[in-house]
């Protein structure tokens, strides 16, 4: 039933083509964000979910912290779990994604998963 509901909309079908996004996450995303075109940028959507870094700016110096805990907790958790699956697959089997390889070379796998989810 979940798979059928996720495939019922074009947005759900397009979401399920992304690696790490299955019927559960696609269905949750379609339910939480009815019209993705309502957001001007992807960062605005990520901010609504709670996946953007917390900003602490003072005197022109911008410092970014961890992700905020505001927004849709379930959706944020599902996105991070899906991204972590992609990161683990990339570590075990290799990947053709140069951006992910560079990110894994600089950061820990969990930080890379949150960045990929964002």
C-alpha atoms as a PDB file:
ATOM      1  CA  UNK A   1       0.000   0.000   0.000  1.00  0.00           C
ATOM      2  CA  UNK A   2       2.894   2.368   0.809  1.00  0.00           C
ATOM      3  CA  UNK A   3       4.601   1.557  -2.478  1.00  0.00           C
ATOM      4  CA  UNK A   4       1.360   2.115  -4.392  1.00  0.00           C
ATOM      5  CA  UNK A   5       0.800   5.502  -2.743  1.00  0.00           C
ATOM      6  CA  UNK A   6       4.400   6.569  -3.428  1.00  0.00           C
ATOM      7  CA  UNK A   7       4.090   5.611  -7.098  1.00  0.00           C
ATOM      8  CA  UNK A   8       0.726   7.350  -7.470  1.00  0.00           C
ATOM      9  CA  UNK A   9       2.283  10.793  -7.937  1.00  0.00           C
ATOM     10  CA  UNK A  10       4.940  11.913 -10.359  1.00  0.00           C
ATOM     11  CA  UNK A  11       6.940  13.490  -7.537  1.00  0.00           C
ATOM     12  CA  UNK A  12       6.967  10.164  -5.663  1.00  0.00           C
ATOM     13  CA  UNK A  13       8.164   8.270  -8.741  1.00  0.00           C
ATOM     14  CA  UNK A  14      10.931  10.823  -9.369  1.00  0.00           C
ATOM     15  CA  UNK A  15      12.023  10.672  -5.735  1.00  0.00           C
ATOM     16  CA  UNK A  16      12.317   6.882  -5.800  1.00  0.00           C
ATOM     17  CA  UNK A  17      14.840   7.131  -8.653  1.00  0.00           C
ATOM     18  CA  UNK A  18      17.337   8.774  -6.266  1.00  0.00           C
ATOM     19  CA  UNK A  19      19.732   6.280  -4.627  1.00  0.00           C
ATOM     20  CA  UNK A  20      18.836   5.782  -0.964  1.00  0.00           C
ATOM     21  CA  UNK A  21      15.222   6.897  -1.397  1.00  0.00           C
ATOM     22  CA  UNK A  22      12.671   4.124  -1.227  1.00  0.00           C
ATOM     23  CA  UNK A  23       8.883   4.018  -1.053  1.00  0.00           C
ATOM     24  CA  UNK A  24       8.771   4.954   2.639  1.00  0.00           C
ATOM     25  CA  UNK A  25      10.872   8.084   2.259  1.00  0.00           C
ATOM     26  CA  UNK A  26       9.197   9.087  -1.005  1.00  0.00           C
ATOM     27  CA  UNK A  27       5.764   8.721   0.563  1.00  0.00           C
ATOM     28  CA  UNK A  28       6.796  10.712   3.628  1.00  0.00           C
ATOM     29  CA  UNK A  29       8.297  13.452   1.453  1.00  0.00           C
ATOM     30  CA  UNK A  30       5.166  13.696  -0.714  1.00  0.00           C
ATOM     31  CA  UNK A  31       2.983  13.837   2.404  1.00  0.00           C
ATOM     32  CA  UNK A  32       5.111  16.485   4.147  1.00  0.00           C
ATOM     33  CA  UNK A  33       5.877  18.628   1.099  1.00  0.00           C
ATOM     34  CA  UNK A  34       2.837  18.717  -1.146  1.00  0.00           C
ATOM     35  CA  UNK A  35       4.261  21.191  -3.685  1.00  0.00           C
ATOM     36  CA  UNK A  36       8.077  21.297  -3.936  1.00  0.00           C
ATOM     37  CA  UNK A  37       7.843  24.211  -6.379  1.00  0.00           C
ATOM     38  CA  UNK A  38       6.687  26.381  -3.469  1.00  0.00           C
ATOM     39  CA  UNK A  39      10.302  26.539  -2.275  1.00  0.00           C
ATOM     40  CA  UNK A  40      12.590  28.966  -4.072  1.00  0.00           C
ATOM     41  CA  UNK A  41      15.769  26.914  -3.509  1.00  0.00           C
ATOM     42  CA  UNK A  42      16.753  23.494  -2.257  1.00  0.00           C
ATOM     43  CA  UNK A  43      18.255  25.118   0.827  1.00  0.00           C
ATOM     44  CA  UNK A  44      14.831  26.502   1.756  1.00  0.00           C
ATOM     45  CA  UNK A  45      13.372  23.001   1.588  1.00  0.00           C
ATOM     46  CA  UNK A  46      16.274  21.623   3.622  1.00  0.00           C
ATOM     47  CA  UNK A  47      15.737  24.392   6.190  1.00  0.00           C
ATOM     48  CA  UNK A  48      12.089  23.418   6.537  1.00  0.00           C
ATOM     49  CA  UNK A  49      13.106  19.825   7.184  1.00  0.00           C
ATOM     50  CA  UNK A  50      15.903  20.867   9.551  1.00  0.00           C
ATOM     51  CA  UNK A  51      18.973  19.710   7.601  1.00  0.00           C
ATOM     52  CA  UNK A  52      20.851  23.011   7.310  1.00  0.00           C
ATOM     53  CA  UNK A  53      23.726  23.936   9.641  1.00  0.00           C
ATOM     54  CA  UNK A  54      22.985  26.274  12.520  1.00  0.00           C
ATOM     55  CA  UNK A  55      24.510  29.699  11.883  1.00  0.00           C
ATOM     56  CA  UNK A  56      26.265  31.679  14.581  1.00  0.00           C
ATOM     57  CA  UNK A  57      27.509  34.908  13.031  1.00  0.00           C
ATOM     58  CA  UNK A  58      29.204  37.657  14.967  1.00  0.00           C
ATOM     59  CA  UNK A  59      31.113  40.663  13.671  1.00  0.00           C
ATOM     60  CA  UNK A  60      31.119  39.525  10.062  1.00  0.00           C
ATOM     61  CA  UNK A  61      32.613  36.114  10.932  1.00  0.00           C
ATOM     62  CA  UNK A  62      30.277  33.301   9.978  1.00  0.00           C
ATOM     63  CA  UNK A  63      30.470  30.032  11.900  1.00  0.00           C
ATOM     64  CA  UNK A  64      28.400  27.014  11.008  1.00  0.00           C
ATOM     65  CA  UNK A  65      27.427  24.459  13.636  1.00  0.00           C
ATOM     66  CA  UNK A  66      25.581  21.161  13.533  1.00  0.00           C
ATOM     67  CA  UNK A  67      22.211  20.659  11.860  1.00  0.00           C
ATOM     68  CA  UNK A  68      19.214  22.258  13.495  1.00  0.00           C
ATOM     69  CA  UNK A  69      16.643  20.128  15.260  1.00  0.00           C
ATOM     70  CA  UNK A  70      13.740  22.179  13.951  1.00  0.00           C
ATOM     71  CA  UNK A  71      11.431  20.948  11.242  1.00  0.00           C
ATOM     72  CA  UNK A  72      10.067  17.517  10.455  1.00  0.00           C
ATOM     73  CA  UNK A  73      11.961  15.063  12.670  1.00  0.00           C
ATOM     74  CA  UNK A  74      10.746  11.900  10.920  1.00  0.00           C
ATOM     75  CA  UNK A  75      11.580  13.163   7.447  1.00  0.00           C
ATOM     76  CA  UNK A  76      15.018  14.394   8.539  1.00  0.00           C
ATOM     77  CA  UNK A  77      15.758  11.016  10.141  1.00  0.00           C
ATOM     78  CA  UNK A  78      14.649   9.101   7.045  1.00  0.00           C
ATOM     79  CA  UNK A  79      16.793  11.275   4.750  1.00  0.00           C
ATOM     80  CA  UNK A  80      19.875  10.734   6.912  1.00  0.00           C
ATOM     81  CA  UNK A  81      19.287   6.968   7.076  1.00  0.00           C
ATOM     82  CA  UNK A  82      18.922   6.793   3.286  1.00  0.00           C
ATOM     83  CA  UNK A  83      22.074   8.847   2.785  1.00  0.00           C
ATOM     84  CA  UNK A  84      23.962   6.672   5.264  1.00  0.00           C
ATOM     85  CA  UNK A  85      22.998   3.607   3.201  1.00  0.00           C
ATOM     86  CA  UNK A  86      24.442   5.283   0.088  1.00  0.00           C
ATOM     87  CA  UNK A  87      27.634   6.163   1.969  1.00  0.00           C
ATOM     88  CA  UNK A  88      28.069   2.611   3.275  1.00  0.00           C
ATOM     89  CA  UNK A  89      27.502   1.182  -0.196  1.00  0.00           C
ATOM     90  CA  UNK A  90      30.088   3.607  -1.602  1.00  0.00           C
ATOM     91  CA  UNK A  91      32.628   2.574   1.044  1.00  0.00           C
ATOM     92  CA  UNK A  92      32.178  -1.136   0.387  1.00  0.00           C
ATOM     93  CA  UNK A  93      31.751  -1.262  -3.380  1.00  0.00           C
ATOM     94  CA  UNK A  94      33.208   1.994  -4.614  1.00  0.00           C
ATOM     95  CA  UNK A  95      31.241   4.636  -6.422  1.00  0.00           C
ATOM     96  CA  UNK A  96      31.368   6.830  -9.506  1.00  0.00           C
ATOM     97  CA  UNK A  97      30.299   9.921  -7.577  1.00  0.00           C
ATOM     98  CA  UNK A  98      33.396  12.135  -7.318  1.00  0.00           C
ATOM     99  CA  UNK A  99      31.728  14.580  -4.933  1.00  0.00           C
ATOM    100  CA  UNK A 100      30.919  11.788  -2.466  1.00  0.00           C
ATOM    101  CA  UNK A 101      34.446  10.360  -2.705  1.00  0.00           C
ATOM    102  CA  UNK A 102      35.964  13.781  -1.964  1.00  0.00           C
ATOM    103  CA  UNK A 103      33.562  14.298   0.923  1.00  0.00           C
ATOM    104  CA  UNK A 104      34.412  10.929   2.458  1.00  0.00           C
ATOM    105  CA  UNK A 105      38.122  11.741   2.187  1.00  0.00           C
ATOM    106  CA  UNK A 106      37.633  14.913   4.261  1.00  0.00           C
ATOM    107  CA  UNK A 107      34.864  14.000   6.723  1.00  0.00           C
ATOM    108  CA  UNK A 108      33.608  11.093   8.801  1.00  0.00           C
ATOM    109  CA  UNK A 109      30.944   8.864   7.235  1.00  0.00           C
ATOM    110  CA  UNK A 110      28.099  10.210   9.403  1.00  0.00           C
ATOM    111  CA  UNK A 111      28.952  13.842   8.649  1.00  0.00           C
ATOM    112  CA  UNK A 112      29.151  12.940   4.957  1.00  0.00           C
ATOM    113  CA  UNK A 113      25.742  11.246   5.200  1.00  0.00           C
ATOM    114  CA  UNK A 114      24.141  14.360   6.680  1.00  0.00           C
ATOM    115  CA  UNK A 115      25.742  16.492   3.962  1.00  0.00           C
ATOM    116  CA  UNK A 116      24.457  14.082   1.314  1.00  0.00           C
ATOM    117  CA  UNK A 117      20.975  14.117   2.871  1.00  0.00           C
ATOM    118  CA  UNK A 118      21.015  17.902   2.736  1.00  0.00           C
END
